[in-house]
Structure formats: C-alpha cells, structure tokens
Amino acid sequence: HLPPRNIADYATFVRAAAARYAPHGPSRPASLTGSVSNWEIWNEPNFDRFWRPKPNPEAYMALAKSAAEAIRKATAGETLVTRIE
C-alpha cells in the first residue's frame, strides 16, 4: 500500500522477478513450472487505499517507467498492465 521509497531498488526487484519468472528469463530455473508473461505495475495507484498517503500521478509514472524498463531489460515480449478506475 505504500510506494517504494527508492525507485531504483524497486526496479532491481522487478528486473530480478522478470528474469526468474518470465517464460524466457535468463535466471529461470529449468525445474520451475509455470511462468509470468503479463506484469501489473502496481494495483490501482489512483486510490489512496493502494497508494498512500494519497495518489500521486507523477510518482506513479516514474515508478511505472522504471519498472517497465527493468522488465524489458530482463526479457523481451512481456505485456505490462496497469489498472486505473
């Protein structure tokens, strides 16, 4: 419910997750079954319930851009999703 304090740290995490869980991720263990090819970057960042203390479009866009770049560096062909109602 709280955005990360450091966007670079979040991007590092996202890149590692994509590298491990994407269908063709470079860090994917051979024994891992299933994969993730659609990535949601945060959930409903326009609600204060999910982005506290209050929604911040500029901060969300910086986070989304950083996460998208991290996913694309880790693997190609993934779908990035966000949900704003």
Protein backbone atom coordinates (compact mmCIF):
# COMPACT_ATOMS: atom_id res chain seq x y z
CA HIS A 1 0.00 0.00 0.00
CA LEU A 2 3.00 2.28 0.27
CA PRO A 3 5.02 3.14 -2.80
CA PRO A 4 8.70 2.26 -2.58
CA ARG A 5 10.99 4.88 -1.11
CA ASN A 6 13.63 4.16 -3.71
CA ILE A 7 12.52 3.57 -7.29
CA ALA A 8 15.90 2.10 -8.25
CA ASP A 9 15.53 -0.57 -5.56
CA TYR A 10 12.05 -1.39 -6.85
CA ALA A 11 13.38 -1.65 -10.42
CA THR A 12 16.11 -4.02 -9.25
CA PHE A 13 13.49 -6.25 -7.64
CA VAL A 14 11.22 -6.12 -10.71
CA ARG A 15 14.11 -6.99 -13.04
CA ALA A 16 15.09 -9.98 -10.87
CA ALA A 17 11.48 -11.19 -10.77
CA ALA A 18 11.13 -10.90 -14.54
CA ALA A 19 14.46 -12.65 -15.13
CA ARG A 20 13.32 -15.54 -12.93
CA TYR A 21 9.62 -15.93 -13.78
CA ALA A 22 9.28 -14.81 -17.40
CA PRO A 23 8.94 -17.66 -19.94
CA HIS A 24 12.43 -16.97 -21.32
CA GLY A 25 14.02 -15.22 -18.37
CA PRO A 26 17.81 -15.59 -18.15
CA SER A 27 17.68 -16.58 -14.46
CA ARG A 28 14.79 -19.02 -14.87
CA PRO A 29 15.50 -22.37 -13.17
CA ALA A 30 14.95 -25.33 -15.50
CA SER A 31 12.85 -27.03 -12.83
CA LEU A 32 10.43 -24.09 -12.48
CA THR A 33 6.96 -24.84 -13.84
CA GLY A 34 4.67 -22.06 -14.97
CA SER A 35 5.69 -18.56 -15.93
CA VAL A 36 4.57 -14.95 -15.90
CA SER A 37 4.20 -13.08 -19.16
CA ASN A 38 1.84 -10.30 -18.03
CA TRP A 39 3.09 -7.90 -15.38
CA GLU A 40 0.93 -5.45 -13.47
CA ILE A 41 2.87 -2.44 -12.26
CA TRP A 42 1.10 -1.59 -9.03
CA ASN A 43 -2.60 -2.02 -8.35
CA GLU A 44 -4.96 0.91 -8.74
CA PRO A 45 -2.43 3.65 -7.95
CA ASN A 46 -5.19 6.25 -8.20
CA PHE A 47 -6.83 5.12 -4.92
CA ASP A 48 -5.45 6.18 -1.56
CA ARG A 49 -6.18 2.66 -0.36
CA PHE A 50 -3.41 1.39 -2.66
CA TRP A 51 -1.08 4.40 -2.85
CA ARG A 52 -0.66 6.11 0.49
CA PRO A 53 -0.85 8.69 1.79
CA LYS A 54 -2.57 9.92 -1.39
CA PRO A 55 -2.33 9.13 -5.12
CA ASN A 56 0.49 10.87 -6.95
CA PRO A 57 0.35 10.55 -10.77
CA GLU A 58 3.89 11.85 -11.30
CA ALA A 59 5.36 9.43 -8.76
CA TYR A 60 3.39 6.54 -10.25
CA MET A 61 4.56 7.34 -13.78
CA ALA A 62 8.18 7.41 -12.61
CA LEU A 63 7.68 4.04 -10.91
CA ALA A 64 5.90 2.55 -13.93
CA LYS A 65 8.54 3.76 -16.37
CA SER A 66 11.35 2.39 -14.21
CA ALA A 67 9.59 -0.97 -13.76
CA ALA A 68 8.80 -1.25 -17.48
CA GLU A 69 12.42 -0.59 -18.41
CA ALA A 70 13.56 -3.19 -15.85
CA ILE A 71 11.19 -5.84 -17.24
CA ARG A 72 12.23 -5.14 -20.81
CA LYS A 73 15.91 -5.42 -19.86
CA ALA A 74 15.30 -8.79 -18.23
CA THR A 75 13.25 -10.35 -21.02
CA ALA A 76 11.53 -9.45 -24.27
CA GLY A 77 7.93 -9.73 -25.32
CA GLU A 78 6.25 -9.27 -21.97
CA THR A 79 2.95 -7.45 -21.51
CA LEU A 80 2.82 -4.61 -18.98
CA VAL A 81 -0.51 -3.82 -17.36
CA THR A 82 -1.91 -1.20 -15.03
CA ARG A 83 -5.39 -0.76 -13.67
CA ILE A 84 -6.85 2.66 -13.09
CA GLU A 85 -10.56 3.07 -12.44
